[in-house]
Amino acid sequence: MRTLFRPRSHGPLRCSPTGIQPCNNVTQAHRILLSLKSNGVFADHRNKHRRAHSRSLAFFCVVASLLGTLVNATELKPETATAFDRYIKATEERMAEDLRRGRFLIVDNLPEGGRQQAYSQLKQGQFYIESLRTKEDGKPILVPGGLIHHWVGVAFIPRTTLSQILAVLQDYDNHKILYKPDVRDSKLLTRDGNDFKVYLQFYRKSLASVVVNVNVDIRYTLIGATRAMSKSCSTRIAEVEDAGKPDEHELPVGNDHGYVWRLYSYWRIEEKDGGVYIQVESIGLSRTIPWAIAWFVNPLVQSIPRSVLSQLLESTRKAVEARESSGV
């Protein structure tokens, strides 16, 4: 899928006379729907408006109940983590092959016509965003108990330099400002040359409000005077419960709601055409989605990485432009 464009936990829910309240399980949600039907909620009414409203209410009750299953804790299984590691290995082999063939950016893999069009649109300020799926020996890599979210995004920032981009990306103490609200807190823990250890607290609100503490190891590699790459891999991810409240605490690592268990990102930066192209390839691991609500949740889940990448590219561009304006 390719796109060029501009840029508190509780159990399942049930309907009651006083509103939406917790219910015990998904089966109870199905019973609610049957009860509504037997009690005449779906019976004929005097007008179509009341009938449509009742059906919408019943539908919302069931969907809300099923969505509640996502907040149940789940455990990261060893076989899930092992499959993710295989996926990362196969992906990095593809990246190395791209470099050997002189394809530094993902758009360099496009046919000549598509590549020229992509570069033209990037220089007009649009983003190139694509969903990826790595295969192993031509076959999909199955991840039991987990979902892989693999996306890449490219942007062009005119009238800047490679060193300016690196200065922004490596300013980890200020990522909480540059990349808010997605990054709530950030801190450079250690630096040894081009190797960094960083703490980040991420926040995202979609189907639920999610806060996670993430420790990452990052290594930068310079390729000549005009190119650079980096690899960032999570070493610890802990979901935060009751964030911002007096009883805020971390859930056990790998035994949480499973919103994000692993997070890897790969940056490629190239100075040319009177500016700098920036590319970030992101690979995340989360829990699977219960089949009963996959039809409803999958489109939302698929839209989240696209939105995150777009925001990341736009925030980086704004940070670089602000840095240049201030004369730093």
C-alpha atoms as a PDB file:
ATOM      1  CA  MET A   1       0.000   0.000   0.000  1.00  0.00           C
ATOM      2  CA  ARG A   2       1.613   3.251  -1.125  1.00  0.00           C
ATOM      3  CA  THR A   3       0.463   6.777  -0.426  1.00  0.00           C
ATOM      4  CA  LEU A   4       1.692  10.201  -1.363  1.00  0.00           C
ATOM      5  CA  PHE A   5      -0.085  12.988   0.514  1.00  0.00           C
ATOM      6  CA  ARG A   6       0.314  16.366   2.255  1.00  0.00           C
ATOM      7  CA  PRO A   7       0.761  16.720   5.002  1.00  0.00           C
ATOM      8  CA  ARG A   8      -8.503   3.950  32.253  1.00  0.00           C
ATOM      9  CA  SER A   9      -8.770   0.265  31.648  1.00  0.00           C
ATOM     10  CA  HIS A  10     -11.924  -1.698  32.478  1.00  0.00           C
ATOM     11  CA  GLY A  11     -13.669  -4.855  31.401  1.00  0.00           C
ATOM     12  CA  PRO A  12     -16.058  -5.258  28.476  1.00  0.00           C
ATOM     13  CA  LEU A  13     -19.069  -2.950  28.491  1.00  0.00           C
ATOM     14  CA  ARG A  14     -22.805  -3.403  28.583  1.00  0.00           C
ATOM     15  CA  CYS A  15     -25.763  -1.097  28.053  1.00  0.00           C
ATOM     16  CA  SER A  16     -27.938  -0.262  31.039  1.00  0.00           C
ATOM     17  CA  PRO A  17     -30.556   2.355  31.885  1.00  0.00           C
ATOM     18  CA  THR A  18     -27.747   4.461  33.361  1.00  0.00           C
ATOM     19  CA  GLY A  19     -25.427   4.131  30.358  1.00  0.00           C
ATOM     20  CA  ILE A  20     -22.437   1.913  29.492  1.00  0.00           C
ATOM     21  CA  GLN A  21     -21.177  -0.271  32.337  1.00  0.00           C
ATOM     22  CA  PRO A  22     -18.712  -3.170  32.695  1.00  0.00           C
ATOM     23  CA  CYS A  23     -19.931  -6.645  31.843  1.00  0.00           C
ATOM     24  CA  ASN A  24     -18.283  -9.967  32.533  1.00  0.00           C
ATOM     25  CA  ASN A  25     -17.378 -11.270  29.088  1.00  0.00           C
ATOM     26  CA  VAL A  26     -18.081 -11.292  25.388  1.00  0.00           C
ATOM     27  CA  THR A  27     -20.714 -14.011  25.751  1.00  0.00           C
ATOM     28  CA  GLN A  28     -22.707 -11.657  27.941  1.00  0.00           C
ATOM     29  CA  ALA A  29     -22.526  -9.067  25.166  1.00  0.00           C
ATOM     30  CA  HIS A  30     -24.138 -11.558  22.786  1.00  0.00           C
ATOM     31  CA  ARG A  31     -26.828 -12.269  25.386  1.00  0.00           C
ATOM     32  CA  ILE A  32     -27.540  -8.535  25.604  1.00  0.00           C
ATOM     33  CA  LEU A  33     -28.189  -8.427  21.872  1.00  0.00           C
ATOM     34  CA  LEU A  34     -30.575 -11.394  22.096  1.00  0.00           C
ATOM     35  CA  SER A  35     -32.305  -9.835  25.079  1.00  0.00           C
ATOM     36  CA  LEU A  36     -32.787  -6.571  23.261  1.00  0.00           C
ATOM     37  CA  LYS A  37     -34.308  -8.436  20.366  1.00  0.00           C
ATOM     38  CA  SER A  38     -36.644 -10.556  22.516  1.00  0.00           C
ATOM     39  CA  ASN A  39     -37.788  -7.535  24.491  1.00  0.00           C
ATOM     40  CA  GLY A  40     -38.890  -5.753  21.397  1.00  0.00           C
ATOM     41  CA  VAL A  41     -36.009  -3.423  20.755  1.00  0.00           C
ATOM     42  CA  PHE A  42     -35.999  -4.617  17.158  1.00  0.00           C
ATOM     43  CA  ALA A  43     -39.768  -4.806  16.963  1.00  0.00           C
ATOM     44  CA  ASP A  44     -41.713  -2.521  14.707  1.00  0.00           C
ATOM     45  CA  HIS A  45     -41.965   1.067  15.898  1.00  0.00           C
ATOM     46  CA  ARG A  46     -44.138   3.889  14.811  1.00  0.00           C
ATOM     47  CA  ASN A  47     -41.418   5.378  12.694  1.00  0.00           C
ATOM     48  CA  LYS A  48     -38.165   4.319  11.085  1.00  0.00           C
ATOM     49  CA  HIS A  49     -36.132   6.813  13.094  1.00  0.00           C
ATOM     50  CA  ARG A  50     -36.834   5.085  16.430  1.00  0.00           C
ATOM     51  CA  ARG A  51     -36.114   1.659  14.917  1.00  0.00           C
ATOM     52  CA  ALA A  52     -32.805   2.813  13.444  1.00  0.00           C
ATOM     53  CA  HIS A  53     -31.830   4.452  16.736  1.00  0.00           C
ATOM     54  CA  SER A  54     -32.557   1.265  18.689  1.00  0.00           C
ATOM     55  CA  ARG A  55     -30.529  -0.869  16.295  1.00  0.00           C
ATOM     56  CA  SER A  56     -27.644   1.580  16.442  1.00  0.00           C
ATOM     57  CA  LEU A  57     -27.729   1.523  20.239  1.00  0.00           C
ATOM     58  CA  ALA A  58     -27.725  -2.280  20.336  1.00  0.00           C
ATOM     59  CA  PHE A  59     -24.915  -2.443  17.786  1.00  0.00           C
ATOM     60  CA  PHE A  60     -22.854   0.029  19.807  1.00  0.00           C
ATOM     61  CA  CYS A  61     -23.378  -1.992  22.984  1.00  0.00           C
ATOM     62  CA  VAL A  62     -22.083  -5.179  21.368  1.00  0.00           C
ATOM     63  CA  VAL A  63     -19.111  -3.485  19.678  1.00  0.00           C
ATOM     64  CA  ALA A  64     -18.189  -1.713  22.907  1.00  0.00           C
ATOM     65  CA  SER A  65     -18.355  -5.006  24.772  1.00  0.00           C
ATOM     66  CA  LEU A  66     -16.132  -6.752  22.236  1.00  0.00           C
ATOM     67  CA  LEU A  67     -13.646  -3.876  22.243  1.00  0.00           C
ATOM     68  CA  GLY A  68     -13.394  -4.349  25.972  1.00  0.00           C
ATOM     69  CA  THR A  69     -11.605  -7.655  25.364  1.00  0.00           C
ATOM     70  CA  LEU A  70      -8.617  -5.689  24.099  1.00  0.00           C
ATOM     71  CA  VAL A  71      -7.940  -4.338  27.594  1.00  0.00           C
ATOM     72  CA  ASN A  72      -7.457  -7.812  29.074  1.00  0.00           C
ATOM     73  CA  ALA A  73      -3.826  -8.518  29.877  1.00  0.00           C
ATOM     74  CA  THR A  74      -1.981 -10.907  27.598  1.00  0.00           C
ATOM     75  CA  GLU A  75       1.486 -12.429  27.699  1.00  0.00           C
ATOM     76  CA  LEU A  76       4.247 -12.164  25.130  1.00  0.00           C
ATOM     77  CA  LYS A  77       5.038 -15.775  24.257  1.00  0.00           C
ATOM     78  CA  PRO A  78       8.591 -16.959  23.442  1.00  0.00           C
ATOM     79  CA  GLU A  79       7.465 -18.214  20.031  1.00  0.00           C
ATOM     80  CA  THR A  80       6.052 -14.747  19.252  1.00  0.00           C
ATOM     81  CA  ALA A  81       9.315 -13.022  20.136  1.00  0.00           C
ATOM     82  CA  THR A  82      11.323 -15.597  18.165  1.00  0.00           C
ATOM     83  CA  ALA A  83       9.202 -15.093  15.040  1.00  0.00           C
ATOM     84  CA  PHE A  84       9.619 -11.324  15.342  1.00  0.00           C
ATOM     85  CA  ASP A  85      13.394 -11.739  15.547  1.00  0.00           C
ATOM     86  CA  ARG A  86      13.250 -13.809  12.332  1.00  0.00           C
ATOM     87  CA  TYR A  87      11.270 -11.023  10.695  1.00  0.00           C
ATOM     88  CA  ILE A  88      13.836  -8.425  11.739  1.00  0.00           C
ATOM     89  CA  LYS A  89      16.707 -10.571  10.442  1.00  0.00           C
ATOM     90  CA  ALA A  90      15.038 -11.052   7.051  1.00  0.00           C
ATOM     91  CA  THR A  91      14.217  -7.342   6.827  1.00  0.00           C
ATOM     92  CA  GLU A  92      17.771  -6.270   7.601  1.00  0.00           C
ATOM     93  CA  GLU A  93      19.041  -8.666   4.932  1.00  0.00           C
ATOM     94  CA  ARG A  94      16.759  -6.931   2.421  1.00  0.00           C
ATOM     95  CA  MET A  95      18.063  -3.536   3.568  1.00  0.00           C
ATOM     96  CA  ALA A  96      21.674  -4.668   3.108  1.00  0.00           C
ATOM     97  CA  GLU A  97      20.842  -5.947  -0.379  1.00  0.00           C
ATOM     98  CA  ASP A  98      19.261  -2.596  -1.266  1.00  0.00           C
ATOM     99  CA  LEU A  99      22.461  -0.833  -0.255  1.00  0.00           C
ATOM    100  CA  ARG A 100      24.582  -3.170  -2.339  1.00  0.00           C
ATOM    101  CA  ARG A 101      22.398  -2.387  -5.346  1.00  0.00           C
ATOM    102  CA  GLY A 102      22.637   1.371  -4.766  1.00  0.00           C
ATOM    103  CA  ARG A 103      19.013   1.739  -3.639  1.00  0.00           C
ATOM    104  CA  PHE A 104      19.421   3.976  -0.610  1.00  0.00           C
ATOM    105  CA  LEU A 105      15.804   5.132  -0.283  1.00  0.00           C
ATOM    106  CA  ILE A 106      12.693   2.982  -0.632  1.00  0.00           C
ATOM    107  CA  VAL A 107      11.556   5.045  -3.641  1.00  0.00           C
ATOM    108  CA  ASP A 108      14.720   3.961  -5.471  1.00  0.00           C
ATOM    109  CA  ASN A 109      13.090   0.528  -5.795  1.00  0.00           C
ATOM    110  CA  LEU A 110      10.290   1.938  -7.953  1.00  0.00           C
ATOM    111  CA  PRO A 111      10.254   1.619 -11.760  1.00  0.00           C
ATOM    112  CA  GLU A 112      11.801   4.596 -13.559  1.00  0.00           C
ATOM    113  CA  GLY A 113       8.523   6.413 -14.156  1.00  0.00           C
ATOM    114  CA  GLY A 114       7.242   5.872 -10.644  1.00  0.00           C
ATOM    115  CA  ARG A 115      10.594   6.838  -9.132  1.00  0.00           C
ATOM    116  CA  GLN A 116      10.728  10.144 -11.006  1.00  0.00           C
ATOM    117  CA  GLN A 117       7.149  10.929 -10.018  1.00  0.00           C
ATOM    118  CA  ALA A 118       7.825  10.079  -6.364  1.00  0.00           C
ATOM    119  CA  TYR A 119      10.895  12.327  -6.216  1.00  0.00           C
ATOM    120  CA  SER A 120       8.972  15.135  -7.891  1.00  0.00           C
ATOM    121  CA  GLN A 121       6.120  14.903  -5.398  1.00  0.00           C
ATOM    122  CA  LEU A 122       8.516  14.695  -2.457  1.00  0.00           C
ATOM    123  CA  LYS A 123      10.188  17.918  -3.594  1.00  0.00           C
ATOM    124  CA  GLN A 124       6.718  19.500  -3.701  1.00  0.00           C
ATOM    125  CA  GLY A 125       6.347  18.806   0.018  1.00  0.00           C
ATOM    126  CA  GLN A 126       4.364  15.573  -0.062  1.00  0.00           C
ATOM    127  CA  PHE A 127       5.190  12.454   1.951  1.00  0.00           C
ATOM    128  CA  TYR A 128       5.700   8.978   0.536  1.00  0.00           C
ATOM    129  CA  ILE A 129       4.291   6.353   2.904  1.00  0.00           C
ATOM    130  CA  GLU A 130       4.074   2.630   2.228  1.00  0.00           C
ATOM    131  CA  SER A 131       3.042  -0.471   4.150  1.00  0.00           C
ATOM    132  CA  LEU A 132       5.649  -3.241   3.844  1.00  0.00           C
ATOM    133  CA  ARG A 133       5.702  -6.988   4.436  1.00  0.00           C
ATOM    134  CA  THR A 134       8.975  -8.909   4.541  1.00  0.00           C
ATOM    135  CA  LYS A 135       9.073 -12.495   3.279  1.00  0.00           C
ATOM    136  CA  GLU A 136      11.542 -15.287   3.969  1.00  0.00           C
ATOM    137  CA  ASP A 137      12.452 -17.389   0.933  1.00  0.00           C
ATOM    138  CA  GLY A 138       9.419 -15.946  -0.806  1.00  0.00           C
ATOM    139  CA  LYS A 139       7.018 -16.977   1.971  1.00  0.00           C
ATOM    140  CA  PRO A 140       5.273 -14.906   4.644  1.00  0.00           C
ATOM    141  CA  ILE A 141       6.799 -15.056   8.119  1.00  0.00           C
ATOM    142  CA  LEU A 142       4.094 -16.235  10.502  1.00  0.00           C
ATOM    143  CA  VAL A 143       4.054 -14.642  13.958  1.00  0.00           C
ATOM    144  CA  PRO A 144       1.902 -16.738  16.308  1.00  0.00           C
ATOM    145  CA  GLY A 145       0.135 -14.599  18.888  1.00  0.00           C
ATOM    146  CA  GLY A 146       1.397 -11.343  17.430  1.00  0.00           C
ATOM    147  CA  LEU A 147       0.926  -8.717  14.730  1.00  0.00           C
ATOM    148  CA  ILE A 148       3.750  -6.975  12.898  1.00  0.00           C
ATOM    149  CA  HIS A 149       3.285  -3.349  11.851  1.00  0.00           C
ATOM    150  CA  HIS A 150       5.845  -2.497   9.165  1.00  0.00           C
ATOM    151  CA  TRP A 151       5.763   0.894   7.476  1.00  0.00           C
ATOM    152  CA  VAL A 152       8.166   3.276   5.767  1.00  0.00           C
ATOM    153  CA  GLY A 153       7.862   7.016   5.204  1.00  0.00           C
ATOM    154  CA  VAL A 154       9.950   9.505   3.216  1.00  0.00           C
ATOM    155  CA  ALA A 155      10.027  13.310   3.203  1.00  0.00           C
ATOM    156  CA  PHE A 156      12.159  16.023   1.633  1.00  0.00           C
ATOM    157  CA  ILE A 157      13.374  19.074   3.547  1.00  0.00           C
ATOM    158  CA  PRO A 158      14.727  21.787   1.228  1.00  0.00           C
ATOM    159  CA  ARG A 159      17.596  24.161   1.987  1.00  0.00           C
ATOM    160  CA  THR A 160      19.066  22.112   4.828  1.00  0.00           C
ATOM    161  CA  THR A 161      22.057  19.836   5.375  1.00  0.00           C
ATOM    162  CA  LEU A 162      22.830  16.377   6.687  1.00  0.00           C
ATOM    163  CA  SER A 163      24.435  17.845   9.807  1.00  0.00           C
ATOM    164  CA  GLN A 164      21.287  19.848  10.610  1.00  0.00           C
ATOM    165  CA  ILE A 165      19.122  16.741  10.365  1.00  0.00           C
ATOM    166  CA  LEU A 166      21.467  14.761  12.621  1.00  0.00           C
ATOM    167  CA  ALA A 167      21.508  17.590  15.153  1.00  0.00           C
ATOM    168  CA  VAL A 168      17.709  17.368  15.469  1.00  0.00           C
ATOM    169  CA  LEU A 169      17.484  13.583  15.550  1.00  0.00           C
ATOM    170  CA  GLN A 170      20.258  13.297  18.151  1.00  0.00           C
ATOM    171  CA  ASP A 171      18.818  15.991  20.426  1.00  0.00           C
ATOM    172  CA  TYR A 172      17.121  13.328  22.543  1.00  0.00           C
ATOM    173  CA  ASP A 173      16.662  15.443  25.664  1.00  0.00           C
ATOM    174  CA  ASN A 174      14.387  17.709  23.624  1.00  0.00           C
ATOM    175  CA  HIS A 175      12.382  15.028  21.779  1.00  0.00           C
ATOM    176  CA  LYS A 176       9.634  15.533  24.353  1.00  0.00           C
ATOM    177  CA  ILE A 177       9.283  19.049  22.940  1.00  0.00           C
ATOM    178  CA  LEU A 178      10.019  18.401  19.279  1.00  0.00           C
ATOM    179  CA  TYR A 179       7.732  15.382  18.991  1.00  0.00           C
ATOM    180  CA  LYS A 180       4.928  16.140  21.436  1.00  0.00           C
ATOM    181  CA  PRO A 181       2.262  14.914  22.062  1.00  0.00           C
ATOM    182  CA  ASP A 182       3.452  11.492  20.834  1.00  0.00           C
ATOM    183  CA  VAL A 183       6.568  11.764  23.026  1.00  0.00           C
ATOM    184  CA  ARG A 184       5.736  12.790  26.580  1.00  0.00           C
ATOM    185  CA  ASP A 185       9.202  12.423  28.057  1.00  0.00           C
ATOM    186  CA  SER A 186      12.699  11.842  26.723  1.00  0.00           C
ATOM    187  CA  LYS A 187      16.213  11.608  28.105  1.00  0.00           C
ATOM    188  CA  LEU A 188      19.641  10.807  26.745  1.00  0.00           C
ATOM    189  CA  LEU A 189      21.043   8.200  29.129  1.00  0.00           C
ATOM    190  CA  THR A 190      24.513   7.668  27.651  1.00  0.00           C
ATOM    191  CA  ARG A 191      26.470   8.433  24.500  1.00  0.00           C
ATOM    192  CA  ASP A 192      29.603   6.734  23.219  1.00  0.00           C
ATOM    193  CA  GLY A 193      30.553   8.212  19.855  1.00  0.00           C
ATOM    194  CA  ASN A 194      27.727   7.274  17.466  1.00  0.00           C
ATOM    195  CA  ASP A 195      26.062   4.916  19.967  1.00  0.00           C
ATOM    196  CA  PHE A 196      23.207   6.250  22.114  1.00  0.00           C
ATOM    197  CA  LYS A 197      21.073   4.850  24.918  1.00  0.00           C
ATOM    198  CA  VAL A 198      17.813   6.751  25.251  1.00  0.00           C
ATOM    199  CA  TYR A 199      14.670   6.702  27.391  1.00  0.00           C
ATOM    200  CA  LEU A 200      11.359   7.719  25.780  1.00  0.00           C
ATOM    201  CA  GLN A 201       7.792   7.783  27.045  1.00  0.00           C
ATOM    202  CA  PHE A 202       5.282   7.459  24.222  1.00  0.00           C
ATOM    203  CA  TYR A 203       1.611   8.439  24.330  1.00  0.00           C
ATOM    204  CA  ARG A 204      -1.085   7.538  21.849  1.00  0.00           C
ATOM    205  CA  LYS A 205      -4.850   7.849  21.973  1.00  0.00           C
ATOM    206  CA  SER A 206      -6.904   5.857  19.484  1.00  0.00           C
ATOM    207  CA  LEU A 207      -9.003   2.903  20.590  1.00  0.00           C
ATOM    208  CA  ALA A 208      -7.571   3.536  24.060  1.00  0.00           C
ATOM    209  CA  SER A 209      -5.124   5.892  25.737  1.00  0.00           C
ATOM    210  CA  VAL A 210      -1.766   4.124  25.764  1.00  0.00           C
ATOM    211  CA  VAL A 211       1.393   5.222  27.589  1.00  0.00           C
ATOM    212  CA  VAL A 212       4.580   3.164  27.374  1.00  0.00           C
ATOM    213  CA  ASN A 213       8.088   3.623  28.739  1.00  0.00           C
ATOM    214  CA  VAL A 214      10.680   2.580  26.160  1.00  0.00           C
ATOM    215  CA  ASN A 215      14.441   2.153  26.428  1.00  0.00           C
ATOM    216  CA  VAL A 216      16.220   2.075  23.071  1.00  0.00           C
ATOM    217  CA  ASP A 217      19.738   1.516  21.797  1.00  0.00           C
ATOM    218  CA  ILE A 218      20.605   3.599  18.738  1.00  0.00           C
ATOM    219  CA  ARG A 219      23.606   3.423  16.434  1.00  0.00           C
ATOM    220  CA  TYR A 220      24.391   5.937  13.684  1.00  0.00           C
ATOM    221  CA  THR A 221      26.529   5.148  10.651  1.00  0.00           C
ATOM    222  CA  LEU A 222      27.939   7.851   8.368  1.00  0.00           C
ATOM    223  CA  ILE A 223      28.347   6.971   4.688  1.00  0.00           C
ATOM    224  CA  GLY A 224      30.560   9.558   3.079  1.00  0.00           C
ATOM    225  CA  ALA A 225      29.746  13.248   3.377  1.00  0.00           C
ATOM    226  CA  THR A 226      26.122  13.155   2.237  1.00  0.00           C
ATOM    227  CA  ARG A 227      24.554  10.019   3.698  1.00  0.00           C
ATOM    228  CA  ALA A 228      23.829   8.619   7.141  1.00  0.00           C
ATOM    229  CA  MET A 229      21.836   5.739   8.630  1.00  0.00           C
ATOM    230  CA  SER A 230      20.680   4.757  12.085  1.00  0.00           C
ATOM    231  CA  LYS A 231      19.194   1.702  13.734  1.00  0.00           C
ATOM    232  CA  SER A 232      17.076   1.969  16.870  1.00  0.00           C
ATOM    233  CA  CYS A 233      15.942  -1.131  18.751  1.00  0.00           C
ATOM    234  CA  SER A 234      13.893  -1.311  21.914  1.00  0.00           C
ATOM    235  CA  THR A 235      15.589  -3.051  24.838  1.00  0.00           C
ATOM    236  CA  ARG A 236      12.730  -2.613  27.302  1.00  0.00           C
ATOM    237  CA  ILE A 237       9.064  -1.659  26.849  1.00  0.00           C
ATOM    238  CA  ALA A 238       6.772  -1.272  29.845  1.00  0.00           C
ATOM    239  CA  GLU A 239       3.162  -0.170  29.627  1.00  0.00           C
ATOM    240  CA  VAL A 240       2.145   2.496  32.137  1.00  0.00           C
ATOM    241  CA  GLU A 241      -1.109   2.060  34.025  1.00  0.00           C
ATOM    242  CA  ASP A 242      -3.006   5.090  35.387  1.00  0.00           C
ATOM    243  CA  ALA A 243      -0.540   7.505  33.794  1.00  0.00           C
ATOM    244  CA  GLY A 244      -0.478  10.941  35.414  1.00  0.00           C
ATOM    245  CA  LYS A 245      -2.298   9.744  38.528  1.00  0.00           C
ATOM    246  CA  PRO A 246      -0.899   9.300  42.048  1.00  0.00           C
ATOM    247  CA  ASP A 247      -0.978   5.498  41.653  1.00  0.00           C
ATOM    248  CA  GLU A 248       0.778   5.500  38.259  1.00  0.00           C
ATOM    249  CA  HIS A 249       2.760   2.296  37.809  1.00  0.00           C
ATOM    250  CA  GLU A 250       4.279   0.033  35.178  1.00  0.00           C
ATOM    251  CA  LEU A 251       2.683  -3.263  34.234  1.00  0.00           C
ATOM    252  CA  PRO A 252       4.973  -6.321  34.107  1.00  0.00           C
ATOM    253  CA  VAL A 253       7.118  -6.260  30.982  1.00  0.00           C
ATOM    254  CA  GLY A 254       5.688  -8.647  28.382  1.00  0.00           C
ATOM    255  CA  ASN A 255       2.531  -9.246  30.448  1.00  0.00           C
ATOM    256  CA  ASP A 256       0.356  -6.270  29.675  1.00  0.00           C
ATOM    257  CA  HIS A 257      -2.314  -5.263  27.179  1.00  0.00           C
ATOM    258  CA  GLY A 258       0.025  -6.006  24.290  1.00  0.00           C
ATOM    259  CA  TYR A 259      -0.314  -2.670  22.497  1.00  0.00           C
ATOM    260  CA  VAL A 260       3.417  -2.683  21.724  1.00  0.00           C
ATOM    261  CA  TRP A 261       5.972  -5.359  22.656  1.00  0.00           C
ATOM    262  CA  ARG A 262       8.834  -4.526  20.305  1.00  0.00           C
ATOM    263  CA  LEU A 263       9.765  -1.392  18.378  1.00  0.00           C
ATOM    264  CA  TYR A 264      12.545  -1.021  15.800  1.00  0.00           C
ATOM    265  CA  SER A 265      13.200   1.935  13.535  1.00  0.00           C
ATOM    266  CA  TYR A 266      15.701   2.579  10.764  1.00  0.00           C
ATOM    267  CA  TRP A 267      16.511   6.076   9.511  1.00  0.00           C
ATOM    268  CA  ARG A 268      18.186   6.890   6.209  1.00  0.00           C
ATOM    269  CA  ILE A 269      19.257  10.437   5.472  1.00  0.00           C
ATOM    270  CA  GLU A 270      20.580  11.692   2.153  1.00  0.00           C
ATOM    271  CA  GLU A 271      21.641  15.201   1.218  1.00  0.00           C
ATOM    272  CA  LYS A 272      20.977  16.001  -2.454  1.00  0.00           C
ATOM    273  CA  ASP A 273      18.756  18.058  -4.777  1.00  0.00           C
ATOM    274  CA  GLY A 274      19.259  21.205  -2.686  1.00  0.00           C
ATOM    275  CA  GLY A 275      18.059  19.664   0.558  1.00  0.00           C
ATOM    276  CA  VAL A 276      17.840  16.419   2.496  1.00  0.00           C
ATOM    277  CA  TYR A 277      15.669  13.350   2.078  1.00  0.00           C
ATOM    278  CA  ILE A 278      14.722  11.667   5.352  1.00  0.00           C
ATOM    279  CA  GLN A 279      13.333   8.150   5.535  1.00  0.00           C
ATOM    280  CA  VAL A 280      12.153   6.200   8.563  1.00  0.00           C
ATOM    281  CA  GLU A 281      11.235   2.518   8.413  1.00  0.00           C
ATOM    282  CA  SER A 282       9.349   1.374  11.494  1.00  0.00           C
ATOM    283  CA  ILE A 283       8.670  -2.209  12.621  1.00  0.00           C
ATOM    284  CA  GLY A 284       6.515  -2.871  15.676  1.00  0.00           C
ATOM    285  CA  LEU A 285       5.095  -5.953  17.362  1.00  0.00           C
ATOM    286  CA  SER A 286       1.748  -6.058  19.157  1.00  0.00           C
ATOM    287  CA  ARG A 287      -0.802  -8.635  20.262  1.00  0.00           C
ATOM    288  CA  THR A 288      -3.237 -10.149  17.808  1.00  0.00           C
ATOM    289  CA  ILE A 289      -6.775  -8.831  17.515  1.00  0.00           C
ATOM    290  CA  PRO A 290      -9.622 -11.149  18.588  1.00  0.00           C
ATOM    291  CA  TRP A 291     -11.356 -12.489  15.484  1.00  0.00           C
ATOM    292  CA  ALA A 292     -14.770 -11.298  16.642  1.00  0.00           C
ATOM    293  CA  ILE A 293     -13.786  -7.638  16.258  1.00  0.00           C
ATOM    294  CA  ALA A 294     -11.023  -7.878  13.640  1.00  0.00           C
ATOM    295  CA  TRP A 295     -13.394  -6.611  10.940  1.00  0.00           C
ATOM    296  CA  PHE A 296     -13.989  -3.466  13.000  1.00  0.00           C
ATOM    297  CA  VAL A 297     -10.557  -2.860  14.535  1.00  0.00           C
ATOM    298  CA  ASN A 298      -8.212  -3.775  11.657  1.00  0.00           C
ATOM    299  CA  PRO A 299      -8.938  -0.651   9.574  1.00  0.00           C
ATOM    300  CA  LEU A 300      -8.260   1.497  12.645  1.00  0.00           C
ATOM    301  CA  VAL A 301      -5.054  -0.367  13.491  1.00  0.00           C
ATOM    302  CA  GLN A 302      -3.856  -0.024   9.903  1.00  0.00           C
ATOM    303  CA  SER A 303      -4.441   3.734   9.957  1.00  0.00           C
ATOM    304  CA  ILE A 304      -2.482   4.360  13.172  1.00  0.00           C
ATOM    305  CA  PRO A 305       1.068   3.685  11.841  1.00  0.00           C
ATOM    306  CA  ARG A 306       0.345   5.855   8.793  1.00  0.00           C
ATOM    307  CA  SER A 307      -0.742   8.696  11.066  1.00  0.00           C
ATOM    308  CA  VAL A 308       2.250   8.237  13.379  1.00  0.00           C
ATOM    309  CA  LEU A 309       4.738   8.280  10.480  1.00  0.00           C
ATOM    310  CA  SER A 310       3.143  11.351   8.966  1.00  0.00           C
ATOM    311  CA  GLN A 311       3.341  13.165  12.290  1.00  0.00           C
ATOM    312  CA  LEU A 312       6.945  12.050  12.817  1.00  0.00           C
ATOM    313  CA  LEU A 313       8.060  13.310   9.407  1.00  0.00           C
ATOM    314  CA  GLU A 314       6.181  16.592   9.781  1.00  0.00           C
ATOM    315  CA  SER A 315       7.550  17.209  13.301  1.00  0.00           C
ATOM    316  CA  THR A 316      11.097  16.522  12.095  1.00  0.00           C
ATOM    317  CA  ARG A 317      10.675  18.926   9.213  1.00  0.00           C
ATOM    318  CA  LYS A 318       9.329  21.652  11.506  1.00  0.00           C
ATOM    319  CA  ALA A 319      12.136  21.097  14.037  1.00  0.00           C
ATOM    320  CA  VAL A 320      14.785  21.422  11.320  1.00  0.00           C
ATOM    321  CA  GLU A 321      13.190  24.557   9.919  1.00  0.00           C
ATOM    322  CA  ALA A 322      12.917  26.095  13.395  1.00  0.00           C
ATOM    323  CA  ARG A 323      16.550  25.305  14.082  1.00  0.00           C
ATOM    324  CA  GLU A 324      17.636  26.985  10.851  1.00  0.00           C
ATOM    325  CA  SER A 325      15.455  30.032  11.559  1.00  0.00           C
ATOM    326  CA  SER A 326      17.059  30.478  14.973  1.00  0.00           C
ATOM    327  CA  GLY A 327      20.513  30.322  13.422  1.00  0.00           C
ATOM    328  CA  VAL A 328      21.608  27.378  15.570  1.00  0.00           C
END
